[in-house]
Amino acid sequence: MQCAKFEQRLHQLLDDRENIEQDEMLSGHAKKCEECRVVLQTQSRILAGLRSLPSPKREQDLGHRVLDQLRVDQRKRKNRRFAVLALAMAASLLIALLPFAGDHVRLRQDRKGLALVTPAPHPETVNKMSKQETEDLRLVMHQFMLKFSDHPLGMFEPVDQLASGIRPLAITFNFALDTLRRTLPGYSEPQTIEPQAIYREFRSSLS
């Protein structure tokens, strides 16, 4: 037997929890090879020391503690989902209330003493929401609130079941963001994009 095969057999016997001292092939090679004999003796002493150690006692309430820890982890995940949901609802409400906050946005404050002559203010171009856009936005918020009111906050469906509802939610947020951009000063719609395309896509998803 060569040293490489000696190591392989030694590891196999250790993995199988067998007694390496009683193996004839290991003992026969250890008598011829000094290095392998030292390895065999070292492993035998380690196993003897492990056998002399008392076996650990199993705690009776170990299973209950593991289950309690799993319940705590599930509560943490539910709290994170609730925080994400609350943040999304707050952002949606903010987007819905921005058009009613005012018609003008003040970008800077006047500072006294910086100029002797104050230039005449230029009229600002402010895009205002039409009645149809306002009604569409309110409909979006109503559908958004109904979507989450049908499900308790503590219970969530699996991701594969919610995959079919991702596209309508994306259209809803795109519609809200587009409406917000239209109310900002200096906003101009690109000529290559149809202005009413997003509304048609949104209405088709609701029907």
Protein backbone atom coordinates (compact mmCIF):
# COMPACT_ATOMS: atom_id res chain seq x y z
CA MET A 1 0.00 0.00 0.00
CA GLN A 2 1.24 3.47 -0.87
CA CYS A 3 0.93 6.53 1.35
CA ALA A 4 -1.78 8.09 -0.84
CA LYS A 5 -3.98 4.97 -0.55
CA PHE A 6 -3.25 4.89 3.18
CA GLU A 7 -4.65 8.40 3.58
CA GLN A 8 -7.71 7.60 1.48
CA ARG A 9 -8.52 4.49 3.52
CA LEU A 10 -7.89 6.34 6.78
CA HIS A 11 -10.32 9.11 5.82
CA GLN A 12 -12.92 6.57 4.67
CA LEU A 13 -12.77 4.69 7.97
CA LEU A 14 -13.00 7.94 9.93
CA ASP A 15 -16.07 8.99 7.93
CA ASP A 16 -17.68 5.61 8.58
CA ARG A 17 -16.93 5.90 12.34
CA GLU A 18 -14.99 2.64 12.32
CA ASN A 19 -12.07 1.68 14.53
CA ILE A 20 -8.85 2.51 12.64
CA GLU A 21 -6.63 0.65 15.11
CA GLN A 22 -8.11 -2.70 14.17
CA ASP A 23 -7.72 -2.24 10.43
CA GLU A 24 -5.05 -4.65 9.14
CA MET A 25 -4.21 -2.66 5.99
CA LEU A 26 -3.51 0.53 7.93
CA SER A 27 -1.52 -1.29 10.60
CA GLY A 28 0.53 -3.18 8.01
CA HIS A 29 1.50 0.00 6.15
CA ALA A 30 2.17 1.90 9.38
CA LYS A 31 4.78 -0.69 10.35
CA LYS A 32 6.73 0.08 7.16
CA CYS A 33 6.26 3.89 6.97
CA GLU A 34 7.28 6.08 9.89
CA GLU A 35 5.22 9.15 8.81
CA CYS A 36 2.05 7.15 8.33
CA ARG A 37 2.56 5.45 11.69
CA VAL A 38 2.70 8.85 13.39
CA VAL A 39 -0.52 9.92 11.59
CA LEU A 40 -2.28 6.70 12.62
CA GLN A 41 -1.24 7.08 16.25
CA THR A 42 -2.33 10.72 16.33
CA GLN A 43 -5.74 9.92 14.92
CA SER A 44 -6.14 7.04 17.38
CA ARG A 45 -5.40 9.34 20.33
CA ILE A 46 -7.87 11.94 19.06
CA LEU A 47 -10.61 9.32 18.74
CA ALA A 48 -9.84 7.99 22.21
CA GLY A 49 -10.15 11.50 23.63
CA LEU A 50 -13.45 12.07 21.88
CA ARG A 51 -14.85 8.79 23.22
CA SER A 52 -13.92 9.79 26.76
CA LEU A 53 -15.93 13.03 26.57
CA PRO A 54 -19.46 12.94 27.99
CA SER A 55 -22.20 13.11 25.40
CA PRO A 56 -24.12 16.40 25.39
CA LYS A 57 -27.58 16.36 26.91
CA ARG A 58 -30.50 17.20 24.71
CA GLU A 59 -32.62 20.04 25.94
CA GLN A 60 -36.28 19.17 26.19
CA ASP A 61 -37.53 22.58 25.07
CA LEU A 62 -35.14 22.86 22.12
CA GLY A 63 -37.88 22.20 19.57
CA HIS A 64 -40.18 24.81 21.12
CA ARG A 65 -37.43 27.42 21.05
CA VAL A 66 -36.72 26.74 17.38
CA LEU A 67 -40.41 27.12 16.53
CA ASP A 68 -40.62 30.34 18.54
CA GLN A 69 -37.63 31.72 16.65
CA LEU A 70 -39.29 30.87 13.34
CA ARG A 71 -42.42 32.74 14.41
CA VAL A 72 -40.33 35.79 15.34
CA ASP A 73 -38.62 35.73 11.93
CA GLN A 74 -41.99 35.55 10.18
CA ARG A 75 -43.24 38.55 12.18
CA LYS A 76 -40.16 40.53 11.15
CA ARG A 77 -40.75 39.75 7.49
CA LYS A 78 -44.41 40.77 7.81
CA ASN A 79 -43.39 44.04 9.46
CA ARG A 80 -41.00 44.77 6.58
CA ARG A 81 -43.74 44.12 4.04
CA PHE A 82 -46.10 46.39 5.97
CA ALA A 83 -43.46 49.15 6.00
CA VAL A 84 -43.00 48.88 2.22
CA LEU A 85 -46.76 48.93 1.71
CA ALA A 86 -47.17 51.98 3.97
CA LEU A 87 -44.37 53.78 2.12
CA ALA A 88 -45.98 53.07 -1.26
CA MET A 89 -49.36 54.31 -0.05
CA ALA A 90 -47.80 57.47 1.39
CA ALA A 91 -46.01 58.17 -1.90
CA SER A 92 -49.23 57.66 -3.84
CA LEU A 93 -51.14 60.04 -1.56
CA LEU A 94 -48.39 62.63 -1.93
CA ILE A 95 -48.57 62.39 -5.71
CA ALA A 96 -52.35 62.71 -5.59
CA LEU A 97 -52.27 65.79 -3.33
CA LEU A 98 -49.50 67.68 -5.12
CA PRO A 99 -51.78 69.15 -7.85
CA PHE A 100 -54.02 70.69 -5.17
CA ALA A 101 -51.14 72.29 -3.22
CA GLY A 102 -50.95 75.33 -5.49
CA ASP A 103 -50.50 76.58 -9.03
CA HIS A 104 -47.00 78.05 -8.65
CA VAL A 105 -43.76 76.75 -7.23
CA ARG A 106 -41.29 79.25 -5.79
CA LEU A 107 -37.81 78.14 -6.79
CA ARG A 108 -35.80 80.77 -4.87
CA GLN A 109 -36.19 83.53 -2.32
CA ASP A 110 -35.39 87.18 -2.93
CA ARG A 111 -32.38 88.53 -1.05
CA LYS A 112 -32.21 92.17 -0.08
CA GLY A 113 -29.19 94.24 -1.05
CA LEU A 114 -27.98 92.04 -3.88
CA ALA A 115 -29.24 94.24 -6.74
CA LEU A 116 -30.16 97.94 -7.10
CA VAL A 117 -32.73 97.24 -9.78
CA THR A 118 -35.18 94.37 -9.58
CA PRO A 119 -35.99 92.96 -13.02
CA ALA A 120 -39.59 92.56 -13.98
CA PRO A 121 -40.81 89.04 -13.27
CA HIS A 122 -41.51 86.89 -16.29
CA PRO A 123 -44.80 85.05 -16.41
CA GLU A 124 -44.29 81.41 -15.66
CA THR A 125 -45.90 78.72 -17.72
CA VAL A 126 -47.66 76.28 -15.43
CA ASN A 127 -49.36 73.18 -16.70
CA LYS A 128 -52.63 72.55 -14.92
CA MET A 129 -54.53 69.31 -14.69
CA SER A 130 -57.72 69.05 -16.66
CA LYS A 131 -60.91 67.75 -15.13
CA GLN A 132 -60.55 64.45 -16.99
CA GLU A 133 -56.99 63.98 -15.71
CA THR A 134 -58.12 64.75 -12.16
CA GLU A 135 -60.92 62.21 -12.36
CA ASP A 136 -58.54 59.62 -13.83
CA LEU A 137 -56.08 60.20 -10.98
CA ARG A 138 -58.81 59.82 -8.39
CA LEU A 139 -59.90 56.61 -10.07
CA VAL A 140 -56.31 55.36 -9.91
CA MET A 141 -56.10 56.03 -6.17
CA HIS A 142 -59.50 54.41 -5.60
CA GLN A 143 -58.42 51.26 -7.47
CA PHE A 144 -55.09 51.27 -5.61
CA MET A 145 -56.80 51.39 -2.20
CA LEU A 146 -59.28 48.67 -3.16
CA LYS A 147 -56.42 46.45 -4.31
CA PHE A 148 -54.91 46.34 -0.80
CA SER A 149 -58.14 46.56 1.21
CA ASP A 150 -59.23 43.16 -0.15
CA HIS A 151 -56.23 41.49 1.54
CA PRO A 152 -55.32 41.68 5.26
CA LEU A 153 -51.98 43.29 5.95
CA GLY A 154 -50.69 40.18 7.72
CA MET A 155 -51.43 37.79 4.85
CA PHE A 156 -49.71 38.03 1.49
CA GLU A 157 -50.07 35.86 -1.57
CA PRO A 158 -47.04 34.09 -3.06
CA VAL A 159 -45.02 35.92 -5.66
CA ASP A 160 -46.01 33.57 -8.48
CA GLN A 161 -49.70 34.35 -7.84
CA LEU A 162 -49.06 38.10 -7.80
CA ALA A 163 -47.04 38.07 -11.02
CA SER A 164 -50.14 38.63 -13.12
CA GLY A 165 -50.93 41.84 -11.24
CA ILE A 166 -47.52 43.50 -11.66
CA ARG A 167 -48.33 45.07 -15.02
CA PRO A 168 -51.51 46.91 -13.90
CA LEU A 169 -49.66 48.29 -10.86
CA ALA A 170 -46.80 49.46 -13.08
CA ILE A 171 -49.28 51.21 -15.37
CA THR A 172 -50.87 52.86 -12.33
CA PHE A 173 -47.59 54.27 -11.05
CA ASN A 174 -46.53 55.35 -14.55
CA PHE A 175 -49.82 57.21 -14.93
CA ALA A 176 -49.39 58.94 -11.55
CA LEU A 177 -45.80 59.96 -12.29
CA ASP A 178 -46.74 61.23 -15.75
CA THR A 179 -49.54 63.30 -14.24
CA LEU A 180 -47.12 64.76 -11.70
CA ARG A 181 -44.61 65.68 -14.43
CA ARG A 182 -47.32 67.44 -16.42
CA THR A 183 -48.02 69.79 -13.48
CA LEU A 184 -44.39 70.94 -13.13
CA PRO A 185 -43.39 74.36 -14.59
CA GLY A 186 -41.67 74.29 -17.97
CA TYR A 187 -42.74 70.73 -18.82
CA SER A 188 -43.31 70.03 -22.50
CA GLU A 189 -44.52 66.77 -23.94
CA PRO A 190 -42.27 65.00 -26.49
CA GLN A 191 -43.62 65.15 -30.01
CA THR A 192 -42.80 61.51 -30.74
CA ILE A 193 -45.04 60.20 -27.96
CA GLU A 194 -48.80 60.39 -28.17
CA PRO A 195 -50.17 62.43 -25.22
CA GLN A 196 -53.13 60.18 -24.59
CA ALA A 197 -51.37 56.81 -25.06
CA ILE A 198 -50.89 56.17 -21.36
CA TYR A 199 -54.55 56.93 -20.60
CA ARG A 200 -55.75 54.48 -23.25
CA GLU A 201 -53.42 51.80 -21.88
CA PHE A 202 -54.60 52.48 -18.33
CA ARG A 203 -58.30 52.34 -19.26
CA SER A 204 -57.79 49.12 -21.21
CA SER A 205 -56.12 47.50 -18.16
CA LEU A 206 -59.08 48.45 -15.95
CA SER A 207 -61.67 47.07 -18.36
